[in-house]
Amino acid sequence: MILVGLFLIFVGLQSFDVGTTEGASMLPNVPERGATYISTQDTINVGDIIVFEGYLKSQPPRMIKRVIGLPGDWMTFCGDNVFAINGQQIQYVAMPETIKSEKQLALKRYRTQIQNVSYDVGFEKPPCETLNSTSRVVEFVVPPGHYFVLGDNRDLSLDSRAYGMVPASHVLGHVLLYW
């Protein structure tokens, strides 16, 4: 009874939205077909999974991705993968299990950490671990009022690498629960 009361107080204090997910871009963390419960009030932080309105005609009406860069963050990419944020190299630790999706062969699972947030990502090919003279390196700063987002399924996600930064005005909220 007390837990139900606390839950109702929590829900009453939050502005929230419930949505659905479809697609494999957030595997292994968010199911290919599922539902989300999002908070529309909280501050967006690196590592948060957000839901946002498509801001280009070629995008779906709603998208779900993970925030990798905040306004002012200096991003370094090696190929299509995040290599460093604000000069701090991102580590990818290979995990023993693979991830299966409906549209891909098995993905290799990696554990990564960005600003004290740990989560798993999937790659078909291993991510860049060192920069050398043959590396394709791209650097940029996330502009004010925007977020840099990626899908956790790095090789099957249309995200900021394809569409550019997400305007903060299009963010509906960050995901509190998914199932």
C-alpha atoms as a PDB file:
ATOM      1  CA  MET A   1       0.000   0.000   0.000  1.00  0.00           C
ATOM      2  CA  ILE A   2       2.816   2.411   0.898  1.00  0.00           C
ATOM      3  CA  LEU A   3       4.669   1.568  -2.343  1.00  0.00           C
ATOM      4  CA  VAL A   4       1.544   2.259  -4.401  1.00  0.00           C
ATOM      5  CA  GLY A   5       1.132   5.599  -2.629  1.00  0.00           C
ATOM      6  CA  LEU A   6       4.761   6.562  -3.249  1.00  0.00           C
ATOM      7  CA  PHE A   7       4.452   5.576  -6.909  1.00  0.00           C
ATOM      8  CA  LEU A   8       1.317   7.701  -7.313  1.00  0.00           C
ATOM      9  CA  ILE A   9       3.052  10.678  -5.680  1.00  0.00           C
ATOM     10  CA  PHE A  10       6.066  10.181  -7.999  1.00  0.00           C
ATOM     11  CA  VAL A  11       3.821   9.989 -11.083  1.00  0.00           C
ATOM     12  CA  GLY A  12       1.848  13.015  -9.908  1.00  0.00           C
ATOM     13  CA  LEU A  13       5.025  15.087  -9.566  1.00  0.00           C
ATOM     14  CA  GLN A  14       6.357  14.145 -12.993  1.00  0.00           C
ATOM     15  CA  SER A  15       5.296  15.256 -16.420  1.00  0.00           C
ATOM     16  CA  PHE A  16       5.533  12.089 -18.445  1.00  0.00           C
ATOM     17  CA  ASP A  17       4.712  10.482 -21.754  1.00  0.00           C
ATOM     18  CA  VAL A  18       4.410   6.880 -22.855  1.00  0.00           C
ATOM     19  CA  GLY A  19       5.571   5.821 -26.301  1.00  0.00           C
ATOM     20  CA  THR A  20       6.568   2.814 -28.362  1.00  0.00           C
ATOM     21  CA  THR A  21       9.840   1.736 -29.925  1.00  0.00           C
ATOM     22  CA  GLU A  22      10.356  -0.044 -33.203  1.00  0.00           C
ATOM     23  CA  GLY A  23      13.640  -1.013 -34.800  1.00  0.00           C
ATOM     24  CA  ALA A  24      17.026  -2.336 -33.780  1.00  0.00           C
ATOM     25  CA  SER A  25      18.967   0.926 -33.473  1.00  0.00           C
ATOM     26  CA  MET A  26      19.032   0.814 -29.650  1.00  0.00           C
ATOM     27  CA  LEU A  27      19.964  -2.855 -29.217  1.00  0.00           C
ATOM     28  CA  PRO A  28      21.186  -4.329 -26.911  1.00  0.00           C
ATOM     29  CA  ASN A  29      19.546  -2.013 -24.367  1.00  0.00           C
ATOM     30  CA  VAL A  30      16.086  -1.180 -25.715  1.00  0.00           C
ATOM     31  CA  PRO A  31      14.050  -3.981 -27.360  1.00  0.00           C
ATOM     32  CA  GLU A  32      13.285  -3.879 -31.093  1.00  0.00           C
ATOM     33  CA  ARG A  33       9.589  -3.577 -30.293  1.00  0.00           C
ATOM     34  CA  GLY A  34       8.652  -2.156 -26.936  1.00  0.00           C
ATOM     35  CA  ALA A  35       7.340   0.739 -24.905  1.00  0.00           C
ATOM     36  CA  THR A  36       8.934   3.684 -23.101  1.00  0.00           C
ATOM     37  CA  TYR A  37       8.002   5.855 -20.152  1.00  0.00           C
ATOM     38  CA  ILE A  38       9.649   9.266 -20.479  1.00  0.00           C
ATOM     39  CA  SER A  39      10.080  12.221 -18.143  1.00  0.00           C
ATOM     40  CA  THR A  40       9.432  15.541 -19.832  1.00  0.00           C
ATOM     41  CA  GLN A  41      10.811  17.669 -16.965  1.00  0.00           C
ATOM     42  CA  ASP A  42      14.296  16.482 -16.068  1.00  0.00           C
ATOM     43  CA  THR A  43      17.609  17.856 -17.317  1.00  0.00           C
ATOM     44  CA  ILE A  44      19.208  15.927 -20.189  1.00  0.00           C
ATOM     45  CA  ASN A  45      22.632  14.426 -19.366  1.00  0.00           C
ATOM     46  CA  VAL A  46      25.261  12.463 -21.249  1.00  0.00           C
ATOM     47  CA  GLY A  47      24.250   8.804 -21.282  1.00  0.00           C
ATOM     48  CA  ASP A  48      20.506   9.513 -21.132  1.00  0.00           C
ATOM     49  CA  ILE A  49      18.283   7.800 -23.665  1.00  0.00           C
ATOM     50  CA  ILE A  50      15.986  10.459 -25.116  1.00  0.00           C
ATOM     51  CA  VAL A  51      12.896  10.546 -27.284  1.00  0.00           C
ATOM     52  CA  PHE A  52      12.695  13.417 -29.761  1.00  0.00           C
ATOM     53  CA  GLU A  53      10.547  14.597 -32.626  1.00  0.00           C
ATOM     54  CA  GLY A  54      11.975  14.088 -36.084  1.00  0.00           C
ATOM     55  CA  TYR A  55      13.251  17.479 -37.259  1.00  0.00           C
ATOM     56  CA  LEU A  56      13.745  16.586 -40.941  1.00  0.00           C
ATOM     57  CA  LYS A  57      11.137  15.345 -43.426  1.00  0.00           C
ATOM     58  CA  SER A  58      13.161  12.159 -43.976  1.00  0.00           C
ATOM     59  CA  GLN A  59      12.941  11.176 -40.288  1.00  0.00           C
ATOM     60  CA  PRO A  60      10.195   9.279 -38.472  1.00  0.00           C
ATOM     61  CA  PRO A  61       7.891  11.428 -36.299  1.00  0.00           C
ATOM     62  CA  ARG A  62       9.584  10.167 -33.089  1.00  0.00           C
ATOM     63  CA  MET A  63      13.064   8.783 -32.561  1.00  0.00           C
ATOM     64  CA  ILE A  64      14.892   7.250 -29.585  1.00  0.00           C
ATOM     65  CA  LYS A  65      18.689   7.564 -29.144  1.00  0.00           C
ATOM     66  CA  ARG A  66      21.391   7.950 -26.473  1.00  0.00           C
ATOM     67  CA  VAL A  67      22.896  11.388 -25.718  1.00  0.00           C
ATOM     68  CA  ILE A  68      26.642  11.276 -26.315  1.00  0.00           C
ATOM     69  CA  GLY A  69      27.441  14.990 -26.529  1.00  0.00           C
ATOM     70  CA  LEU A  70      26.001  18.056 -24.790  1.00  0.00           C
ATOM     71  CA  PRO A  71      26.217  21.658 -26.022  1.00  0.00           C
ATOM     72  CA  GLY A  72      29.874  22.731 -25.934  1.00  0.00           C
ATOM     73  CA  ASP A  73      31.313  19.177 -25.892  1.00  0.00           C
ATOM     74  CA  TRP A  74      34.319  18.610 -28.179  1.00  0.00           C
ATOM     75  CA  MET A  75      33.822  15.340 -30.062  1.00  0.00           C
ATOM     76  CA  THR A  76      36.556  13.300 -31.775  1.00  0.00           C
ATOM     77  CA  PHE A  77      35.509  10.572 -34.196  1.00  0.00           C
ATOM     78  CA  CYS A  78      37.627   7.825 -35.717  1.00  0.00           C
ATOM     79  CA  GLY A  79      35.722   6.573 -38.760  1.00  0.00           C
ATOM     80  CA  ASP A  80      32.063   6.381 -37.688  1.00  0.00           C
ATOM     81  CA  ASN A  81      32.796   5.831 -33.998  1.00  0.00           C
ATOM     82  CA  VAL A  82      33.248   8.128 -31.014  1.00  0.00           C
ATOM     83  CA  PHE A  83      36.919   8.067 -30.090  1.00  0.00           C
ATOM     84  CA  ALA A  84      37.028  10.836 -27.455  1.00  0.00           C
ATOM     85  CA  ILE A  85      34.820  13.418 -25.754  1.00  0.00           C
ATOM     86  CA  ASN A  86      36.482  16.598 -24.470  1.00  0.00           C
ATOM     87  CA  GLY A  87      39.864  14.921 -25.030  1.00  0.00           C
ATOM     88  CA  GLN A  88      39.024  11.841 -22.916  1.00  0.00           C
ATOM     89  CA  GLN A  89      39.315   8.635 -24.940  1.00  0.00           C
ATOM     90  CA  ILE A  90      36.299   6.313 -24.863  1.00  0.00           C
ATOM     91  CA  GLN A  91      37.146   2.713 -23.974  1.00  0.00           C
ATOM     92  CA  TYR A  92      35.286  -0.231 -25.487  1.00  0.00           C
ATOM     93  CA  VAL A  93      35.664  -3.544 -23.653  1.00  0.00           C
ATOM     94  CA  ALA A  94      34.675  -6.628 -25.664  1.00  0.00           C
ATOM     95  CA  MET A  95      32.084  -8.808 -23.929  1.00  0.00           C
ATOM     96  CA  PRO A  96      31.827 -12.582 -24.528  1.00  0.00           C
ATOM     97  CA  GLU A  97      28.221 -12.627 -25.753  1.00  0.00           C
ATOM     98  CA  THR A  98      26.796 -11.484 -29.075  1.00  0.00           C
ATOM     99  CA  ILE A  99      23.588  -9.609 -29.849  1.00  0.00           C
ATOM    100  CA  LYS A 100      21.079 -10.859 -32.408  1.00  0.00           C
ATOM    101  CA  SER A 101      18.647  -8.643 -34.248  1.00  0.00           C
ATOM    102  CA  GLU A 102      16.043  -9.343 -36.894  1.00  0.00           C
ATOM    103  CA  LYS A 103      17.890  -7.361 -39.594  1.00  0.00           C
ATOM    104  CA  GLN A 104      21.552  -8.158 -38.920  1.00  0.00           C
ATOM    105  CA  LEU A 105      23.916 -10.964 -38.337  1.00  0.00           C
ATOM    106  CA  ALA A 106      25.126 -11.272 -34.767  1.00  0.00           C
ATOM    107  CA  LEU A 107      26.688  -8.123 -33.355  1.00  0.00           C
ATOM    108  CA  LYS A 108      29.684  -8.100 -31.053  1.00  0.00           C
ATOM    109  CA  ARG A 109      28.777  -6.634 -27.650  1.00  0.00           C
ATOM    110  CA  TYR A 110      31.073  -4.038 -26.062  1.00  0.00           C
ATOM    111  CA  ARG A 111      30.832  -2.312 -22.686  1.00  0.00           C
ATOM    112  CA  THR A 112      31.615   1.390 -22.721  1.00  0.00           C
ATOM    113  CA  GLN A 113      31.562   4.240 -20.226  1.00  0.00           C
ATOM    114  CA  ILE A 114      31.002   7.928 -20.878  1.00  0.00           C
ATOM    115  CA  GLN A 115      31.150  10.337 -17.931  1.00  0.00           C
ATOM    116  CA  ASN A 116      30.430   7.651 -15.296  1.00  0.00           C
ATOM    117  CA  VAL A 117      27.556   6.101 -17.295  1.00  0.00           C
ATOM    118  CA  SER A 118      28.235   2.491 -18.343  1.00  0.00           C
ATOM    119  CA  TYR A 119      26.207   0.713 -20.985  1.00  0.00           C
ATOM    120  CA  ASP A 120      26.561  -1.864 -23.747  1.00  0.00           C
ATOM    121  CA  VAL A 121      26.799  -1.127 -27.462  1.00  0.00           C
ATOM    122  CA  GLY A 122      26.817  -3.381 -30.493  1.00  0.00           C
ATOM    123  CA  PHE A 123      29.211  -3.326 -33.468  1.00  0.00           C
ATOM    124  CA  GLU A 124      29.554  -5.540 -36.518  1.00  0.00           C
ATOM    125  CA  LYS A 125      33.184  -4.368 -36.843  1.00  0.00           C
ATOM    126  CA  PRO A 126      35.411  -3.487 -33.876  1.00  0.00           C
ATOM    127  CA  PRO A 127      35.578   0.222 -32.960  1.00  0.00           C
ATOM    128  CA  CYS A 128      38.745   2.312 -33.404  1.00  0.00           C
ATOM    129  CA  GLU A 129      41.108   1.876 -30.449  1.00  0.00           C
ATOM    130  CA  THR A 130      44.029   4.052 -31.562  1.00  0.00           C
ATOM    131  CA  LEU A 131      44.528   6.961 -33.917  1.00  0.00           C
ATOM    132  CA  ASN A 132      47.229   6.662 -36.547  1.00  0.00           C
ATOM    133  CA  SER A 133      48.179   8.268 -39.861  1.00  0.00           C
ATOM    134  CA  THR A 134      45.562   6.221 -41.755  1.00  0.00           C
ATOM    135  CA  SER A 135      42.679   6.990 -39.347  1.00  0.00           C
ATOM    136  CA  ARG A 136      39.830   9.104 -40.704  1.00  0.00           C
ATOM    137  CA  VAL A 137      39.507  11.611 -37.845  1.00  0.00           C
ATOM    138  CA  VAL A 138      36.717  14.184 -37.549  1.00  0.00           C
ATOM    139  CA  GLU A 139      36.495  16.723 -34.726  1.00  0.00           C
ATOM    140  CA  PHE A 140      33.722  19.178 -33.922  1.00  0.00           C
ATOM    141  CA  VAL A 141      32.012  20.994 -31.041  1.00  0.00           C
ATOM    142  CA  VAL A 142      28.326  20.386 -30.291  1.00  0.00           C
ATOM    143  CA  PRO A 143      26.624  23.763 -30.866  1.00  0.00           C
ATOM    144  CA  PRO A 144      24.524  25.567 -28.241  1.00  0.00           C
ATOM    145  CA  GLY A 145      20.951  24.298 -27.996  1.00  0.00           C
ATOM    146  CA  HIS A 146      21.741  20.893 -29.554  1.00  0.00           C
ATOM    147  CA  TYR A 147      22.612  17.316 -28.554  1.00  0.00           C
ATOM    148  CA  PHE A 148      24.770  14.740 -30.317  1.00  0.00           C
ATOM    149  CA  VAL A 149      22.989  11.365 -30.204  1.00  0.00           C
ATOM    150  CA  LEU A 150      23.828   7.813 -31.281  1.00  0.00           C
ATOM    151  CA  GLY A 151      21.978   4.517 -31.322  1.00  0.00           C
ATOM    152  CA  ASP A 152      23.499   1.814 -29.106  1.00  0.00           C
ATOM    153  CA  ASN A 153      23.518  -0.482 -32.154  1.00  0.00           C
ATOM    154  CA  ARG A 154      26.219   1.626 -33.745  1.00  0.00           C
ATOM    155  CA  ASP A 155      26.237  -0.025 -37.188  1.00  0.00           C
ATOM    156  CA  LEU A 156      22.447   0.033 -37.706  1.00  0.00           C
ATOM    157  CA  SER A 157      21.457   3.435 -36.394  1.00  0.00           C
ATOM    158  CA  LEU A 158      20.486   6.569 -38.271  1.00  0.00           C
ATOM    159  CA  ASP A 159      21.453   9.206 -35.752  1.00  0.00           C
ATOM    160  CA  SER A 160      23.524  12.402 -35.475  1.00  0.00           C
ATOM    161  CA  ARG A 161      26.109  10.882 -37.805  1.00  0.00           C
ATOM    162  CA  ALA A 162      23.464  10.890 -40.556  1.00  0.00           C
ATOM    163  CA  TYR A 163      21.055  13.695 -39.573  1.00  0.00           C
ATOM    164  CA  GLY A 164      23.209  16.093 -37.553  1.00  0.00           C
ATOM    165  CA  MET A 165      22.655  17.341 -34.026  1.00  0.00           C
ATOM    166  CA  VAL A 166      19.234  17.172 -32.362  1.00  0.00           C
ATOM    167  CA  PRO A 167      17.794  20.618 -31.547  1.00  0.00           C
ATOM    168  CA  ALA A 168      16.932  20.806 -27.840  1.00  0.00           C
ATOM    169  CA  SER A 169      13.527  22.206 -28.814  1.00  0.00           C
ATOM    170  CA  HIS A 170      12.654  18.815 -30.388  1.00  0.00           C
ATOM    171  CA  VAL A 171      13.488  16.717 -27.310  1.00  0.00           C
ATOM    172  CA  LEU A 172      10.332  15.296 -25.728  1.00  0.00           C
ATOM    173  CA  GLY A 173      12.109  13.876 -22.674  1.00  0.00           C
ATOM    174  CA  HIS A 174      14.460  11.226 -21.401  1.00  0.00           C
ATOM    175  CA  VAL A 175      13.530   7.602 -20.958  1.00  0.00           C
ATOM    176  CA  LEU A 176      12.967   6.460 -17.371  1.00  0.00           C
ATOM    177  CA  LEU A 177      11.754   2.919 -18.197  1.00  0.00           C
ATOM    178  CA  TYR A 178      11.575   0.713 -21.264  1.00  0.00           C
ATOM    179  CA  TRP A 179      10.110  -2.726 -21.754  1.00  0.00           C
END
